[in-house]
Each structure stands twice: as C-alpha cells, then as structure tokens.
Amino acid sequence: METVLRPLLVIGGSVLLTLAIGWATDLLLRKADERNPETPLWELLRRGRIPYQLVICTALLRGSYDQAELLQEHKVGVGRTLTLTLIGSAAWLAIRIAAAIVETSYSRYARAHRDAARVRRVRTQVELIMRVVSAIVIVVAIASMLLTFPAMRAAGASLLASAGILGIVAGVAAQSTLSNLFAGLQIAFGDMVRIGDTVVVDGEWGTVDEITLTFLTVRTWDERRITMPVSYFTSKPFENWSRGTPQMTGIVYWHLDHSAPIEAMREKLRDILRNCTAWDGRAYSLQVTDTTPNSIQVRALVTAKDADDIWTVRVAVREQMITWLSAEHPYALPRVNTSDAVLPPTRIPPPDRASLRKAYDFPRTGRG
C-alpha cells in the first residue's frame, strides 16, 4: 500500500504546491499591473505563467521522485525525462521573460518619442534582437538536452576536435544563409529599412511588413506579400520613401489642347486641394512643362504627409480636374484637327475654284 501511496503523494503534492505558487504569483502580478497601468511589464509577465508553473512542477518532481519506490525500476528514464522537461520549460520561460522586458522597453520608448521614423527603427531592432535572443536560448537548451546523454558527453572531445573543420565546411555550405544573417543585422542597426517603411522594389510599391534575420516581407497596395532575402537590400539599390521624413511631393500630368485655360486650372487646383483632407497644405503648383504640335503637357505638383496620402491627393486632383475641364472647358481636351488650318490675318485668301472656273471659261468659236 505504501508503494502506491508514496508516488501519489509525491506527484499530487508537487502539483498542488505548483498550483498554489502559480496562483500566488499570478495574484501578485495582477495587483502590480493594477497599480502600474502605465507599463505593460506585469501583464506581459503573466503570459509566462504556464512555463513558470511547468518549471516549478518539474523541479519539485525532479527533486522528490527518488522517494517513490514504485519508480525505482525506471529511475534513470524518469529522471532524464524530467531533466529534459525542466530544460525545455526553463528555456520557454526565459524567452517569455526576455520578450516581456524588450516589449516594455519599446513601449516606453514609443511613448516618449513622437518621431514615427525613430519608433519604426527601434521596433525593427527590437524584433531582430528578440529573434536573436530566442535563437540563442533554443540552441543552448538543445545543447544542454543533448549533454544529458552519456554518449553525447563522451563524444564531446571528438566533436570539439573536429569543430574547426566542420565550421569551415558549414561556412562554405551556408554562405548564402550567413550573408543573409549578417545582412539582417546590418539592416537592423544600419537603419537602412524599417518595419512600416514605404519602399519600391523591382517596380513594386509596398510597405515593409516583416523583417527577420534572413528574409524581408513587403506588403503591396493590393495586399500581396513579396518575400525577399535581406541580402537584396544590402547589395542592390531600392527606393525608401520613408527615409528621413515621410513627407512626399506628387506629380499629376495632363495632355491638353493648346487653348487650355492655364490660369483657370491653377485656381481650380487650389479649390480642389482645399477640399482634399489628404493634402497637407505645404505647397502646390501648376505649370506647362512641354508642348507638341498637337497638345501641351501640364504638370501639377502637390504635397502630402506620407505615401498613402500622396496617392489619394494625386488621384483626386486628376479625376476632378478632368471632370471640370470636360464640363466647363471641353475645347481644352486634346483632339485631332480635321478642319482647314486658320490662315494668318495679313495674308490674302486665295480665290475659290468656282470663281477661277468662271473667269477662265471662254466661249469656244472654232478649232483655232
């Protein structure tokens, strides 16, 4: 009877003690979060209660399972399983704690600084740092798990002896992966491109949606996702419309007839922009930039606070100006001239064919 009750007491006592400690810790974190609503640290730490309780329960079982005589036959297997579980749960808890600290630091920085470009830069760096920390913790946890096996410890010396050769071989085999890894770090801390930046890559306009250590995702205006290696952004030129300041100047072109009312178009452009909420009010202009035998090219310059608003301003100006010209000045639209050319006023017009035929129509009296 004792051989059955003792394992139950060990397991049941560990579970109950874990639940009690977890409940008390969660209660303290909840009260701390209520007292400090300006920081998300305590709420983020509460998300790690599952790995926290798993660590406590596994540690208690690891330290007391020897007391259960029923488990003596499987002592080695049970002990190794508990050790592996303890290492994995500890790594999970470490990642959650690191994420809570990093996210809290970013939140404080975002509240203290109003510059959107700097906030996006820090956000990019924070996410990449968190990925690096997670990768390091996972690698250390896996290595620790492997070292719990005697065969792995015995082979450690030979592995270290061949580490140099393996490192060279791995470096050559993973050359592209390593280049992307270092390119990701260069992008994160070199401030080349940040999450939320508006970029043009290979003729595609979009917003940077995700940056990792190996690839970068651009979300286009039509909701497509373009995934590219981060080494592309360190080896090839690309347009970053959000670099420095997000303010932009947009261009709208019209091809019109030579008789287009330019001054009236300038006044209409001013009225359109005044009613356009996306226009930031910085500047606007309208000029004739080119001419051809059949038409003229009219260019309007407008401004907006970012790439999204400049697109809205451009399409609004283009549409409303064409509508206004069609209704008020239809002669200003380009057309193909099929009528006779207008002669200069100082030139005497030639006589028509009827008068010429009448003037030279002599009566015929004979063959001579």
Protein backbone atom coordinates (compact mmCIF):
# COMPACT_ATOMS: atom_id res chain seq x y z
CA MET A 1 0.00 0.00 0.00
CA GLU A 2 2.83 2.35 0.86
CA THR A 3 4.46 1.73 -2.51
CA VAL A 4 1.33 3.08 -4.19
CA LEU A 5 0.53 5.97 -1.85
CA ARG A 6 4.03 7.41 -1.83
CA PRO A 7 4.17 8.09 -5.61
CA LEU A 8 0.69 9.57 -5.44
CA LEU A 9 1.71 11.82 -2.56
CA VAL A 10 4.87 12.90 -4.36
CA ILE A 11 3.08 13.68 -7.62
CA GLY A 12 -0.04 15.12 -6.00
CA GLY A 13 1.93 17.23 -3.54
CA SER A 14 4.13 18.63 -6.34
CA VAL A 15 1.12 19.51 -8.46
CA LEU A 16 -0.78 21.14 -5.60
CA LEU A 17 2.26 23.10 -4.47
CA THR A 18 2.84 24.22 -8.06
CA LEU A 19 -0.74 25.40 -8.42
CA ALA A 20 -0.54 27.27 -5.12
CA ILE A 21 2.72 29.01 -6.03
CA GLY A 22 1.43 29.80 -9.51
CA TRP A 23 -1.81 31.26 -8.15
CA ALA A 24 0.05 33.41 -5.61
CA THR A 25 2.50 34.66 -8.23
CA ASP A 26 -0.29 35.46 -10.71
CA LEU A 27 -2.17 37.34 -7.97
CA LEU A 28 0.89 39.45 -7.20
CA LEU A 29 1.46 40.21 -10.87
CA ARG A 30 -2.21 41.18 -11.31
CA LYS A 31 -2.05 43.60 -8.40
CA ALA A 32 1.22 45.03 -9.66
CA ASP A 33 -0.39 45.56 -13.07
CA GLU A 34 -3.35 47.39 -11.47
CA ARG A 35 -1.02 49.66 -9.52
CA ASN A 36 1.16 50.42 -12.56
CA PRO A 37 -1.15 50.71 -15.57
CA GLU A 38 1.41 52.83 -17.44
CA THR A 39 3.72 49.86 -18.04
CA PRO A 40 2.73 46.55 -19.71
CA LEU A 41 5.52 44.61 -17.95
CA TRP A 42 3.38 42.85 -15.36
CA GLU A 43 0.69 41.87 -17.85
CA LEU A 44 3.33 40.51 -20.21
CA LEU A 45 4.95 38.55 -17.40
CA ARG A 46 1.59 36.94 -16.63
CA ARG A 47 1.71 35.34 -20.08
CA GLY A 48 4.59 33.22 -18.86
CA ARG A 49 2.65 31.54 -16.05
CA ILE A 50 2.36 28.23 -17.93
CA PRO A 51 6.13 27.70 -18.40
CA TYR A 52 6.65 29.13 -14.89
CA GLN A 53 4.38 26.51 -13.32
CA LEU A 54 5.89 23.82 -15.51
CA VAL A 55 9.37 24.71 -14.25
CA ILE A 56 8.23 24.59 -10.62
CA CYS A 57 6.38 21.30 -11.00
CA THR A 58 9.21 19.65 -12.91
CA ALA A 59 11.80 20.86 -10.40
CA LEU A 60 9.75 19.54 -7.49
CA LEU A 61 9.28 16.17 -9.16
CA ARG A 62 12.93 16.04 -10.13
CA GLY A 63 13.96 16.54 -6.54
CA SER A 64 11.46 14.13 -4.94
CA TYR A 65 10.84 11.30 -7.36
CA ASP A 66 13.60 9.28 -5.64
CA GLN A 67 11.26 8.85 -2.66
CA ALA A 68 8.79 6.82 -4.73
CA GLU A 69 9.78 3.16 -4.58
CA LEU A 70 7.41 2.34 -7.42
CA LEU A 71 9.57 4.38 -9.80
CA GLN A 72 12.91 2.82 -8.79
CA GLU A 73 12.84 0.42 -11.74
CA HIS A 74 12.56 3.34 -14.19
CA LYS A 75 14.64 5.79 -12.19
CA VAL A 76 17.06 6.65 -15.00
CA GLY A 77 14.37 7.15 -17.63
CA VAL A 78 12.11 9.18 -15.36
CA GLY A 79 14.99 11.32 -14.17
CA ARG A 80 16.16 12.03 -17.70
CA THR A 81 12.64 12.85 -18.87
CA LEU A 82 12.16 15.28 -16.00
CA THR A 83 15.55 16.85 -16.73
CA LEU A 84 14.71 17.35 -20.40
CA THR A 85 11.32 18.80 -19.50
CA LEU A 86 12.92 21.13 -16.97
CA ILE A 87 15.45 22.40 -19.52
CA GLY A 88 12.78 22.95 -22.17
CA SER A 89 10.37 24.72 -19.84
CA ALA A 90 13.17 26.88 -18.44
CA ALA A 91 14.11 27.95 -21.98
CA TRP A 92 10.45 28.70 -22.71
CA LEU A 93 10.20 30.81 -19.54
CA ALA A 94 13.43 32.65 -20.35
CA ILE A 95 12.11 33.60 -23.80
CA ARG A 96 8.83 34.86 -22.31
CA ILE A 97 10.65 36.96 -19.70
CA ALA A 98 13.02 38.40 -22.30
CA ALA A 99 10.08 39.22 -24.60
CA ALA A 100 8.26 40.99 -21.76
CA ILE A 101 11.31 43.10 -20.90
CA VAL A 102 12.05 44.00 -24.53
CA GLU A 103 8.41 44.83 -25.31
CA THR A 104 8.14 47.01 -22.21
CA SER A 105 11.29 48.92 -23.16
CA TYR A 106 9.92 49.50 -26.65
CA SER A 107 6.57 50.71 -25.29
CA ARG A 108 8.26 53.25 -23.06
CA TYR A 109 10.41 54.47 -25.94
CA ALA A 110 7.39 54.76 -28.26
CA ARG A 111 5.51 56.87 -25.69
CA ALA A 112 8.49 59.14 -25.05
CA HIS A 113 9.27 59.84 -28.72
CA ARG A 114 6.81 61.18 -31.27
CA ASP A 115 9.08 60.70 -34.29
CA ALA A 116 7.46 57.88 -36.24
CA ALA A 117 10.65 57.10 -38.17
CA ARG A 118 12.70 56.61 -34.99
CA VAL A 119 9.97 54.49 -33.43
CA ARG A 120 9.86 52.22 -36.50
CA ARG A 121 13.65 51.92 -36.44
CA VAL A 122 13.61 50.85 -32.78
CA ARG A 123 10.76 48.45 -33.48
CA THR A 124 12.80 46.77 -36.20
CA GLN A 125 15.83 46.47 -33.94
CA VAL A 126 13.74 45.14 -31.05
CA GLU A 127 12.18 42.40 -33.14
CA LEU A 128 15.51 41.28 -34.57
CA ILE A 129 17.14 41.33 -31.12
CA MET A 130 14.30 39.22 -29.78
CA ARG A 131 14.77 36.72 -32.59
CA VAL A 132 18.48 36.50 -31.88
CA VAL A 133 17.87 36.01 -28.15
CA SER A 134 15.28 33.32 -28.85
CA ALA A 135 17.62 31.52 -31.22
CA ILE A 136 20.46 31.60 -28.67
CA VAL A 137 18.23 30.30 -25.86
CA ILE A 138 16.89 27.49 -28.05
CA VAL A 139 20.37 26.45 -29.18
CA VAL A 140 21.67 26.43 -25.60
CA ALA A 141 18.62 24.43 -24.45
CA ILE A 142 19.07 21.83 -27.19
CA ALA A 143 22.78 21.56 -26.42
CA SER A 144 22.01 21.12 -22.73
CA MET A 145 19.48 18.40 -23.52
CA LEU A 146 21.98 16.54 -25.67
CA LEU A 147 24.65 16.73 -22.96
CA THR A 148 22.37 14.87 -20.55
CA PHE A 149 23.02 11.71 -22.53
CA PRO A 150 26.30 9.95 -21.59
CA ALA A 151 27.06 9.13 -25.22
CA MET A 152 26.97 12.82 -26.11
CA ARG A 153 29.30 13.73 -23.24
CA ALA A 154 31.77 11.05 -24.33
CA ALA A 155 31.72 12.33 -27.87
CA GLY A 156 32.24 15.92 -26.79
CA ALA A 157 36.00 15.81 -27.06
CA SER A 158 35.95 14.45 -30.60
CA LEU A 159 33.30 16.98 -31.59
CA LEU A 160 35.42 19.84 -30.30
CA ALA A 161 38.47 18.47 -32.10
CA SER A 162 36.64 18.43 -35.41
CA ALA A 163 34.81 21.72 -34.81
CA GLY A 164 37.30 23.67 -36.89
CA ILE A 165 36.88 21.51 -39.98
CA LEU A 166 33.13 21.33 -39.54
CA GLY A 167 32.98 25.11 -39.15
CA ILE A 168 34.81 25.63 -42.44
CA VAL A 169 32.60 23.14 -44.25
CA ALA A 170 29.44 24.62 -42.73
CA GLY A 171 30.57 28.13 -43.59
CA VAL A 172 31.08 27.24 -47.24
CA ALA A 173 27.81 25.29 -47.43
CA ALA A 174 25.77 28.02 -45.70
CA GLN A 175 27.41 31.00 -47.35
CA SER A 176 24.12 32.48 -48.60
CA THR A 177 22.44 31.89 -45.23
CA LEU A 178 25.28 33.58 -43.36
CA SER A 179 25.25 36.51 -45.78
CA ASN A 180 21.53 36.96 -45.17
CA LEU A 181 22.11 36.70 -41.41
CA PHE A 182 24.71 39.47 -41.39
CA ALA A 183 22.62 41.50 -43.84
CA GLY A 184 19.70 41.28 -41.40
CA LEU A 185 21.87 42.63 -38.59
CA GLN A 186 23.17 45.36 -40.89
CA ILE A 187 19.62 46.39 -41.82
CA ALA A 188 18.51 46.39 -38.18
CA PHE A 189 21.33 48.53 -36.83
CA GLY A 190 22.27 50.41 -40.00
CA ASP A 191 18.79 51.99 -40.30
CA MET A 192 18.54 51.15 -44.00
CA VAL A 193 14.93 49.98 -43.92
CA ARG A 194 12.44 49.64 -41.08
CA ILE A 195 9.11 48.00 -40.44
CA GLY A 196 6.41 50.29 -41.81
CA ASP A 197 8.63 51.99 -44.40
CA THR A 198 7.23 52.56 -47.88
CA VAL A 199 9.61 51.07 -50.45
CA VAL A 200 9.76 50.40 -54.19
CA VAL A 201 11.47 47.11 -55.03
CA ASP A 202 11.71 45.80 -58.60
CA GLY A 203 8.97 48.19 -59.65
CA GLU A 204 6.62 47.07 -56.86
CA TRP A 205 5.36 49.68 -54.39
CA GLY A 206 4.54 48.50 -50.89
CA THR A 207 5.12 48.66 -47.14
CA VAL A 208 7.68 46.65 -45.18
CA ASP A 209 5.59 44.20 -43.18
CA GLU A 210 8.17 41.93 -41.54
CA ILE A 211 11.95 41.77 -41.14
CA THR A 212 13.76 38.67 -39.95
CA LEU A 213 17.40 37.68 -39.87
CA THR A 214 17.13 36.00 -43.27
CA PHE A 215 14.19 37.47 -45.24
CA LEU A 216 12.06 40.57 -45.55
CA THR A 217 8.36 40.78 -46.48
CA VAL A 218 6.85 43.71 -48.42
CA ARG A 219 3.05 44.13 -48.45
CA THR A 220 1.94 45.67 -51.73
CA TRP A 221 -1.02 48.02 -52.18
CA ASP A 222 -3.16 45.14 -53.50
CA GLU A 223 -2.49 43.01 -50.36
CA ARG A 224 0.14 40.76 -51.95
CA ARG A 225 3.23 39.73 -50.00
CA ILE A 226 6.65 39.85 -51.63
CA THR A 227 9.27 37.89 -49.69
CA MET A 228 12.88 38.69 -50.48
CA PRO A 229 16.25 37.81 -48.90
CA VAL A 230 17.56 40.63 -46.77
CA SER A 231 20.87 40.49 -48.68
CA TYR A 232 18.99 42.07 -51.61
CA PHE A 233 18.66 45.33 -49.70
CA THR A 234 22.39 45.48 -48.97
CA SER A 235 23.54 44.65 -52.49
CA LYS A 236 21.04 46.36 -54.82
CA PRO A 237 19.53 49.85 -54.95
CA PHE A 238 15.93 50.37 -53.85
CA GLU A 239 13.66 53.31 -53.10
CA ASN A 240 12.75 54.05 -49.49
CA TRP A 241 10.11 56.77 -49.45
CA SER A 242 10.03 56.88 -45.64
CA ARG A 243 13.75 57.50 -45.19
CA GLY A 244 14.30 60.65 -43.14
CA THR A 245 10.83 62.18 -43.36
CA PRO A 246 7.64 60.58 -44.71
CA GLN A 247 6.53 63.83 -46.41
CA MET A 248 6.25 63.48 -50.17
CA THR A 249 5.64 65.52 -53.32
CA GLY A 250 3.44 64.02 -56.01
CA ILE A 251 3.10 64.79 -59.74
CA VAL A 252 -0.03 64.80 -61.91
CA TYR A 253 0.20 65.16 -65.72
CA TRP A 254 -2.42 66.16 -68.30
CA HIS A 255 -2.10 66.31 -72.09
CA LEU A 256 -4.35 69.13 -73.27
CA ASP A 257 -5.07 71.33 -76.24
CA HIS A 258 -3.05 74.49 -76.77
CA SER A 259 -6.12 76.56 -75.89
CA ALA A 260 -6.38 75.13 -72.36
CA PRO A 261 -7.11 77.82 -69.69
CA ILE A 262 -3.96 77.56 -67.58
CA GLU A 263 -4.84 80.33 -65.11
CA ALA A 264 -8.30 78.90 -64.54
CA MET A 265 -6.73 75.48 -63.98
CA ARG A 266 -4.45 76.95 -61.30
CA GLU A 267 -7.47 78.37 -59.48
CA LYS A 268 -9.34 75.08 -59.83
CA LEU A 269 -6.33 73.16 -58.48
CA ARG A 270 -6.30 75.42 -55.42
CA ASP A 271 -10.02 74.79 -54.83
CA ILE A 272 -9.59 71.01 -55.23
CA LEU A 273 -6.74 70.88 -52.73
CA ARG A 274 -8.59 72.98 -50.18
CA ASN A 275 -11.37 70.39 -50.16
CA CYS A 276 -8.97 67.42 -50.07
CA THR A 277 -8.25 66.28 -46.50
CA ALA A 278 -5.16 64.30 -47.60
CA TRP A 279 -3.34 67.46 -48.76
CA ASP A 280 -1.01 68.72 -46.03
CA GLY A 281 -1.13 72.37 -47.18
CA ARG A 282 2.61 72.74 -47.72
CA ALA A 283 2.78 73.56 -51.42
CA TYR A 284 1.18 73.20 -54.85
CA SER A 285 1.84 74.46 -58.38
CA LEU A 286 0.67 74.03 -61.97
CA GLN A 287 2.90 74.65 -65.00
CA VAL A 288 3.18 73.85 -68.70
CA THR A 289 6.22 71.59 -68.95
CA ASP A 290 6.17 70.50 -72.61
CA THR A 291 4.49 71.10 -75.94
CA THR A 292 3.95 69.12 -79.13
CA PRO A 293 2.36 70.07 -82.47
CA ASN A 294 -0.97 68.67 -81.25
CA SER A 295 -1.01 69.19 -77.46
CA ILE A 296 0.69 70.63 -74.39
CA GLN A 297 1.80 68.84 -71.23
CA VAL A 298 0.54 70.38 -67.98
CA ARG A 299 2.09 69.30 -64.67
CA ALA A 300 0.68 69.80 -61.19
CA LEU A 301 2.81 69.39 -58.04
CA VAL A 302 1.04 68.52 -54.77
CA THR A 303 2.29 67.55 -51.30
CA ALA A 304 1.15 65.19 -48.54
CA LYS A 305 2.41 63.85 -45.23
CA ASP A 306 3.12 60.29 -46.42
CA ALA A 307 2.93 57.91 -49.37
CA ASP A 308 -0.67 56.85 -48.76
CA ASP A 309 -1.95 60.41 -48.67
CA ILE A 310 0.04 61.49 -51.73
CA TRP A 311 -1.65 58.74 -53.71
CA THR A 312 -5.07 59.96 -52.54
CA VAL A 313 -4.25 63.56 -53.46
CA ARG A 314 -2.96 62.64 -56.92
CA VAL A 315 -5.98 60.58 -57.95
CA ALA A 316 -8.39 63.20 -56.55
CA VAL A 317 -6.69 66.04 -58.45
CA ARG A 318 -6.50 64.05 -61.68
CA GLU A 319 -10.15 62.98 -61.61
CA GLN A 320 -11.70 66.28 -60.53
CA MET A 321 -9.63 68.36 -62.95
CA ILE A 322 -10.62 66.20 -65.93
CA THR A 323 -14.27 66.33 -64.86
CA TRP A 324 -14.13 70.11 -64.57
CA LEU A 325 -12.44 70.54 -67.95
CA SER A 326 -15.00 68.27 -69.65
CA ALA A 327 -17.89 70.26 -68.19
CA GLU A 328 -16.58 73.84 -68.27
CA HIS A 329 -13.85 73.87 -70.95
CA PRO A 330 -14.35 70.98 -73.36
CA TYR A 331 -12.25 72.73 -76.01
CA ALA A 332 -9.21 72.26 -73.73
CA LEU A 333 -9.23 68.48 -74.11
CA PRO A 334 -6.88 67.05 -76.75
CA ARG A 335 -8.45 66.40 -80.15
CA VAL A 336 -7.49 65.51 -83.71
CA ASN A 337 -7.83 68.54 -86.04
CA THR A 338 -9.60 67.66 -89.28
CA SER A 339 -10.68 71.19 -90.42
CA ASP A 340 -8.72 73.59 -92.61
CA ALA A 341 -5.90 75.44 -90.97
CA VAL A 342 -6.59 79.06 -89.92
CA LEU A 343 -4.54 81.44 -92.03
CA PRO A 344 -2.78 84.49 -90.62
CA PRO A 345 -4.92 87.69 -90.82
CA THR A 346 -2.36 89.59 -93.04
CA ARG A 347 -2.46 87.02 -95.85
CA ILE A 348 -4.93 87.49 -98.75
CA PRO A 349 -7.06 84.39 -99.07
CA PRO A 350 -6.88 82.68 -102.47
CA PRO A 351 -9.99 82.78 -104.70
CA ASP A 352 -12.23 79.76 -104.68
CA ARG A 353 -12.37 77.30 -107.54
CA ALA A 354 -15.82 78.45 -108.80
CA SER A 355 -14.59 81.99 -109.44
CA LEU A 356 -11.48 80.71 -111.21
CA ARG A 357 -13.53 78.42 -113.44
CA LYS A 358 -15.87 81.29 -114.30
CA ALA A 359 -13.02 83.68 -115.06
CA TYR A 360 -11.24 81.30 -117.46
CA ASP A 361 -14.33 79.76 -119.09
CA PHE A 362 -14.03 81.41 -122.63
CA PRO A 363 -16.55 80.53 -125.40
CA ARG A 364 -15.18 78.14 -127.97
CA THR A 365 -15.78 79.52 -131.57
CA GLY A 366 -13.78 77.04 -133.60
CA ARG A 367 -10.77 74.84 -133.85
CA GLY A 368 -8.29 77.74 -133.93
